Protein backbone atom coordinates (compact mmCIF):
# COMPACT_ATOMS: atom_id res chain seq x y z
CA MET A 1 -41.33 -13.35 238.94
CA GLU A 2 -44.70 -12.62 240.54
CA ALA A 3 -47.33 -10.73 238.55
CA PRO A 4 -48.29 -7.47 240.30
CA ARG A 5 -51.76 -7.35 241.78
CA ILE A 6 -52.35 -3.82 240.51
CA GLU A 7 -52.15 -3.49 236.74
CA PHE A 8 -50.06 -0.46 235.86
CA TYR A 9 -50.80 0.52 232.26
CA ARG A 10 -54.56 0.84 232.41
CA LEU A 11 -57.17 3.49 231.74
CA ARG A 12 -58.56 4.79 235.03
CA ASP A 13 -60.94 7.54 235.97
CA PHE A 14 -60.19 9.92 238.83
CA GLY A 15 -61.61 7.74 241.60
CA LYS A 16 -59.85 4.60 240.35
CA LYS A 17 -56.50 6.38 240.34
CA ILE A 18 -57.00 7.34 243.99
CA ASN A 19 -58.06 3.77 244.79
CA ALA A 20 -55.01 2.37 242.98
CA THR A 21 -52.77 4.71 244.99
CA ILE A 22 -54.24 3.64 248.32
CA GLU A 23 -54.19 -0.04 247.35
CA PHE A 24 -50.55 0.18 246.26
CA LEU A 25 -49.51 1.86 249.52
CA ARG A 26 -51.47 -0.68 251.56
CA GLU A 27 -49.98 -3.66 249.73
CA ASN A 28 -46.40 -2.33 249.76
CA PHE A 29 -46.45 -0.63 253.14
CA LYS A 30 -43.64 -2.72 254.63
CA GLY A 31 -41.23 -2.74 251.68
CA LEU A 32 -41.67 0.82 250.43
CA PHE A 33 -41.80 2.50 253.80
CA LEU A 34 -38.72 0.64 255.00
CA CYS A 35 -36.81 2.13 252.07
CA LEU A 36 -38.20 5.58 252.78
CA LEU A 37 -37.43 5.31 256.50
CA LEU A 38 -33.79 4.50 255.80
CA ILE A 39 -33.60 7.77 253.85
CA GLY A 40 -35.95 10.02 255.78
CA GLY A 41 -34.85 8.98 259.27
CA PRO A 42 -31.25 10.31 259.25
CA ALA A 43 -32.24 13.36 257.19
CA ALA A 44 -35.10 14.17 259.56
CA LEU A 45 -32.81 13.94 262.59
CA LEU A 46 -30.29 16.29 260.96
CA LEU A 47 -32.99 18.75 259.91
CA SER A 48 -34.59 18.74 263.35
CA ILE A 49 -31.24 19.76 264.87
CA VAL A 50 -30.74 22.51 262.28
CA PHE A 51 -34.34 23.72 262.67
CA LYS A 52 -33.88 23.85 266.43
CA ASN A 53 -30.84 26.09 265.95
CA VAL A 54 -32.80 28.36 263.59
CA MET A 55 -35.68 28.75 266.07
CA GLY A 56 -33.21 29.38 268.87
CA SER A 57 -31.61 32.15 266.80
CA PHE A 58 -34.99 33.80 266.23
CA PHE A 59 -35.86 33.82 269.93
CA THR A 60 -32.40 35.03 270.88
CA LEU A 61 -32.76 37.98 268.51
CA GLY A 62 -36.21 38.73 269.92
CA PHE A 63 -34.97 38.84 273.48
CA GLU A 64 -31.98 41.03 272.59
CA THR A 65 -34.27 43.48 270.79
CA GLY A 66 -36.80 43.50 273.62
CA SER A 67 -34.16 44.25 276.20
CA GLY A 68 -32.94 47.28 274.31
CA THR A 69 -29.64 45.65 273.42
CA PRO A 70 -28.87 46.13 269.74
CA PRO A 71 -28.78 42.65 268.16
CA ASP A 72 -25.71 41.57 266.28
CA LEU A 73 -27.54 41.30 262.97
CA LEU A 74 -24.45 40.39 261.01
CA ASN A 75 -23.81 37.30 263.15
CA PHE A 76 -27.52 36.47 263.24
CA PHE A 77 -27.96 36.51 259.47
CA SER A 78 -24.71 34.62 259.11
CA LEU A 79 -25.97 31.90 261.44
CA LEU A 80 -29.47 31.89 259.98
CA GLY A 81 -28.20 31.92 256.42
CA GLY A 82 -25.89 28.98 257.00
CA ASN A 83 -28.57 26.93 258.76
CA TYR A 84 -31.20 27.85 256.20
CA PHE A 85 -28.93 26.89 253.32
CA LEU A 86 -28.16 23.57 255.02
CA MET A 87 -31.88 22.92 255.57
CA MET A 88 -32.71 23.61 251.93
CA LEU A 89 -29.80 21.51 250.68
CA VAL A 90 -30.61 18.49 252.85
CA SER A 91 -34.33 18.80 252.02
CA TRP A 92 -33.67 18.97 248.28
CA LEU A 93 -31.29 16.01 248.32
CA THR A 94 -33.62 13.96 250.51
CA VAL A 95 -36.83 14.73 248.64
CA THR A 96 -35.13 13.91 245.32
CA PHE A 97 -33.98 10.58 246.73
CA ILE A 98 -37.53 9.89 247.93
CA VAL A 99 -38.79 10.61 244.42
CA SER A 100 -36.21 8.24 242.99
CA VAL A 101 -36.89 5.46 245.52
CA THR A 102 -40.69 5.71 245.21
CA PHE A 103 -40.74 5.48 241.43
CA SER A 104 -37.96 2.85 241.42
CA TYR A 105 -40.01 0.72 243.80
CA MET A 106 -43.09 1.18 241.59
CA LYS A 107 -41.05 0.16 238.54
CA LEU A 108 -39.80 -3.01 240.22
CA TYR A 109 -43.32 -3.75 241.48
CA ASN A 110 -44.71 -3.47 237.97
CA GLU A 111 -41.99 -5.86 236.81
CA GLY A 112 -43.06 -8.31 239.52
CA VAL A 113 -39.78 -8.30 241.46
CA ALA A 114 -40.21 -5.60 244.12
CA LYS A 115 -41.04 -8.03 246.95
CA THR A 116 -38.12 -10.33 246.19
CA ALA A 117 -35.58 -7.70 245.13
CA GLY A 118 -35.04 -6.25 248.58
CA VAL A 119 -33.91 -2.81 249.72
CA GLY A 120 -30.53 -3.10 248.03
CA GLU A 121 -31.99 -3.57 244.55
CA VAL A 122 -34.40 -0.66 245.03
CA PHE A 123 -31.52 1.57 246.15
CA ARG A 124 -29.32 0.52 243.23
CA LEU A 125 -32.01 1.47 240.74
CA ALA A 126 -32.76 4.69 242.65
CA LEU A 127 -29.10 5.69 242.71
CA SER A 128 -28.78 5.10 238.96
CA LYS A 129 -31.55 7.66 238.42
CA TYR A 130 -30.63 10.03 241.23
CA GLY A 131 -28.23 12.34 239.42
CA GLY A 132 -30.59 12.82 236.49
CA LEU A 133 -33.50 13.53 238.84
CA LEU A 134 -31.46 16.18 240.68
CA LEU A 135 -30.76 17.98 237.42
CA LEU A 136 -34.32 17.47 236.24
CA GLY A 137 -35.68 18.89 239.50
CA PHE A 138 -33.42 21.92 239.22
CA LEU A 139 -34.62 22.61 235.67
CA ILE A 140 -38.27 22.18 236.63
CA ALA A 141 -37.87 24.52 239.63
CA LEU A 142 -36.11 27.09 237.46
CA VAL A 143 -38.75 27.01 234.72
CA THR A 144 -41.59 27.09 237.26
CA ILE A 145 -40.11 30.07 239.14
CA VAL A 146 -39.64 31.97 235.88
CA GLY A 147 -43.26 31.16 235.00
CA MET A 148 -44.40 32.54 238.37
CA PHE A 149 -43.15 35.98 237.36
CA PHE A 150 -45.65 36.05 234.52
CA PHE A 151 -48.86 36.57 236.47
CA PHE A 152 -48.39 33.40 238.60
CA LEU A 153 -50.68 31.14 236.53
CA PRO A 154 -48.02 30.08 233.98
CA GLY A 155 -45.90 28.88 236.88
CA ILE A 156 -48.73 26.67 238.17
CA TYR A 157 -49.37 25.31 234.68
CA LEU A 158 -45.69 24.49 234.15
CA GLY A 159 -45.26 23.03 237.62
CA VAL A 160 -48.15 20.57 237.15
CA THR A 161 -47.18 19.71 233.59
CA LEU A 162 -43.49 19.14 234.31
CA SER A 163 -44.21 17.01 237.38
CA LEU A 164 -44.81 14.15 234.94
CA ALA A 165 -41.16 14.35 233.87
CA TYR A 166 -40.16 12.47 237.04
CA PRO A 167 -42.05 9.22 236.31
CA ILE A 168 -41.19 9.48 232.62
CA PHE A 169 -37.48 9.65 233.46
CA VAL A 170 -37.62 6.67 235.86
CA PHE A 171 -40.05 4.39 234.00
CA GLU A 172 -38.68 4.95 230.51
CA LYS A 173 -35.18 4.69 229.10
CA VAL A 174 -35.00 8.34 228.06
CA GLY A 175 -32.77 11.29 228.82
CA ILE A 176 -33.57 14.44 230.72
CA GLY A 177 -34.42 16.43 227.59
CA THR A 178 -36.87 13.80 226.32
CA ALA A 179 -38.52 13.46 229.72
CA PHE A 180 -38.80 17.25 229.93
CA SER A 181 -40.38 17.67 226.49
CA LYS A 182 -42.62 14.59 226.53
CA THR A 183 -44.66 15.97 229.43
CA PHE A 184 -46.31 18.57 227.19
CA THR A 185 -47.46 15.90 224.73
CA LEU A 186 -48.53 13.44 227.39
CA ILE A 187 -50.61 15.85 229.46
CA ARG A 188 -52.54 17.23 226.47
CA ASP A 189 -56.24 17.70 227.40
CA LYS A 190 -55.55 16.13 230.82
CA TRP A 191 -53.99 19.02 232.71
CA TRP A 192 -56.98 19.56 234.98
CA SER A 193 -57.26 15.90 235.95
CA THR A 194 -53.55 15.87 236.77
CA PHE A 195 -53.90 19.05 238.81
CA GLY A 196 -56.93 17.69 240.68
CA LEU A 197 -55.20 14.38 241.42
CA LEU A 198 -52.17 16.18 242.84
CA ILE A 199 -54.35 18.42 245.01
CA VAL A 200 -56.35 15.51 246.45
CA SER A 201 -53.26 13.35 247.03
CA TYR A 202 -51.43 16.23 248.72
CA LEU A 203 -54.43 16.80 251.00
CA ILE A 204 -54.35 13.12 251.97
CA ALA A 205 -50.62 13.39 252.62
CA TYR A 206 -51.13 16.55 254.69
CA ALA A 207 -53.77 14.82 256.84
CA VAL A 208 -51.34 11.98 257.56
CA GLN A 209 -48.56 14.48 258.32
CA MET A 210 -50.73 16.05 261.01
CA VAL A 211 -50.74 12.75 262.90
CA PHE A 212 -46.95 12.76 263.04
CA SER A 213 -46.97 16.40 264.17
CA ILE A 214 -49.15 15.77 267.24
CA PRO A 215 -46.23 15.04 269.64
CA LEU A 216 -44.39 18.20 268.55
CA ALA A 217 -47.48 20.39 268.85
CA PHE A 218 -48.32 18.93 272.28
CA LEU A 219 -44.81 19.48 273.66
CA TYR A 220 -44.65 23.01 272.26
CA VAL A 221 -47.98 24.02 273.83
CA VAL A 222 -47.06 22.48 277.21
CA GLU A 223 -43.67 24.19 277.28
CA MET A 224 -45.09 27.55 276.24
CA PHE A 225 -47.79 27.42 278.94
CA SER A 226 -45.14 26.55 281.51
CA VAL A 227 -42.96 29.52 280.54
CA VAL A 228 -45.93 31.92 280.49
CA GLU A 229 -47.12 30.78 283.93
CA GLU A 230 -43.66 31.24 285.41
CA MET A 231 -43.40 34.73 283.91
CA GLU A 232 -46.82 35.72 285.25
CA ALA A 233 -45.79 34.50 288.69
CA GLY A 234 -42.69 36.68 288.43
CA SER A 235 -40.31 33.76 288.87
CA GLY A 236 -39.70 32.96 285.23
CA ASP A 237 -36.96 34.02 282.90
CA PRO A 238 -38.09 34.73 279.30
CA THR A 239 -34.87 33.25 278.00
CA SER A 240 -35.85 29.88 279.50
CA ILE A 241 -37.88 29.30 276.37
CA LEU A 242 -34.58 28.68 274.63
CA ASP A 243 -34.11 25.57 276.78
CA MET A 244 -37.15 24.09 275.08
CA PHE A 245 -35.32 23.99 271.75
CA SER A 246 -32.21 22.45 273.29
CA SER A 247 -34.04 19.55 274.94
CA GLY A 248 -33.64 16.04 273.64
CA TYR A 249 -37.36 15.25 273.66
CA MET A 250 -38.14 18.33 271.55
CA THR A 251 -35.48 17.27 269.04
CA PHE A 252 -37.00 13.78 268.98
CA ALA A 253 -40.52 15.21 268.45
CA MET A 254 -39.23 17.37 265.59
CA ALA A 255 -37.55 14.32 264.06
CA VAL A 256 -40.79 12.32 264.27
CA SER A 257 -42.69 15.16 262.61
CA MET A 258 -40.15 15.46 259.81
CA VAL A 259 -39.98 11.69 259.29
CA GLY A 260 -43.75 11.73 258.84
CA THR A 261 -43.45 14.59 256.39
CA TYR A 262 -40.86 12.78 254.30
CA MET A 263 -42.71 9.46 254.41
CA THR A 264 -45.95 11.00 253.19
CA TYR A 265 -44.24 12.57 250.17
CA CYS A 266 -44.69 9.18 248.52
CA ILE A 267 -48.51 9.53 248.47
CA PRO A 268 -48.72 12.20 245.73
CA LEU A 269 -45.77 10.53 243.98
CA VAL A 270 -47.60 7.19 243.72
CA ALA A 271 -50.73 9.02 242.52
CA LEU A 272 -48.59 10.79 239.91
CA GLY A 273 -47.21 7.42 238.84
CA TYR A 274 -50.70 6.11 238.16
CA GLN A 275 -51.61 9.29 236.34
CA TYR A 276 -48.55 8.75 234.14
CA SER A 277 -49.58 5.15 233.43
CA ASN A 278 -53.11 6.27 232.63
CA LEU A 279 -51.88 8.89 230.15
CA ILE A 280 -49.44 6.42 228.57
CA GLU A 281 -52.20 3.88 228.08
CA ARG A 282 -54.44 6.59 226.67
CA SER A 283 -51.87 7.76 224.13
CA GLU A 284 -49.86 4.61 223.39
CA GLY A 285 -52.00 1.67 224.49
CA ARG A 286 -48.98 0.05 226.13
CA GLY A 287 -51.02 -2.19 228.42
CA LEU A 288 -53.17 -3.41 225.55
CA MET A 289 -50.08 -4.22 223.50
CA ASN A 290 -48.65 -6.20 226.43
CA GLU A 291 -51.87 -8.22 226.66
CA ILE A 292 -51.71 -8.98 222.93
CA GLU A 293 -48.09 -10.10 223.24
CA ASP A 294 -48.95 -12.33 226.21
CA PHE A 295 -51.85 -13.84 224.25
CA ASP A 296 -49.58 -14.61 221.29
CA THR A 297 -47.10 -16.46 223.51
CA LYS A 298 -49.75 -18.75 225.00
């Protein structure tokens, strides 16, 4: 067992939590991102195909309306509804698995076995927590949406507070109810720091996502200019824009963009993990107790 380079249960200020997040991602880039790629890759390819069908449906409806032909709205909403439901389902299942894998990897890292455990061990631990995280995520989404109806702010407060239930559920041997309720005790007087850390980490993740979106944006702009030029020259067919969404390279570019999106979800998750450890150390002194126990055994 190899001692982790980054101490987990430790009091950290805002800047040190960001530094710990970046250092963890840098040190575990190969192992963690391989796990995430095995999840995000197939899901991103599936979602890119579904998204392509959704965009094609929108453009088809637009052309039918513009030509004066009444669109078949029943079939359109049927197609869109099915694709949209599939997109949301795959996204929810994938994001939950990414949450489980990220925190499972952090847990094994803190135990000093992440680098030797391999992908299989990370997945086994992630799968053991997956069902509970799905239910936990559903409850958090439900409570947050209900809170949004009460002047919006309660929803934000609940969303930030309950986000800590994910690391609590993975790092501790507790049930869903305990993880759900413990967040309100743990975040006491530290809601704003948790909110600020999530905002900053999501901005970092968004900046990285933009890099993965460059190929898709470039191809979209090139294709759109080509269609517009052909139409201005009088030789283009407006429906040719639909060919753009059926091309293999556009599907590949969408997949790359979505893989990047899924991969970068781990950035705010790792930051949330270090916020959890900071709050645990602040309230329970778990890291200090571990040091005392290690001293007694020497």
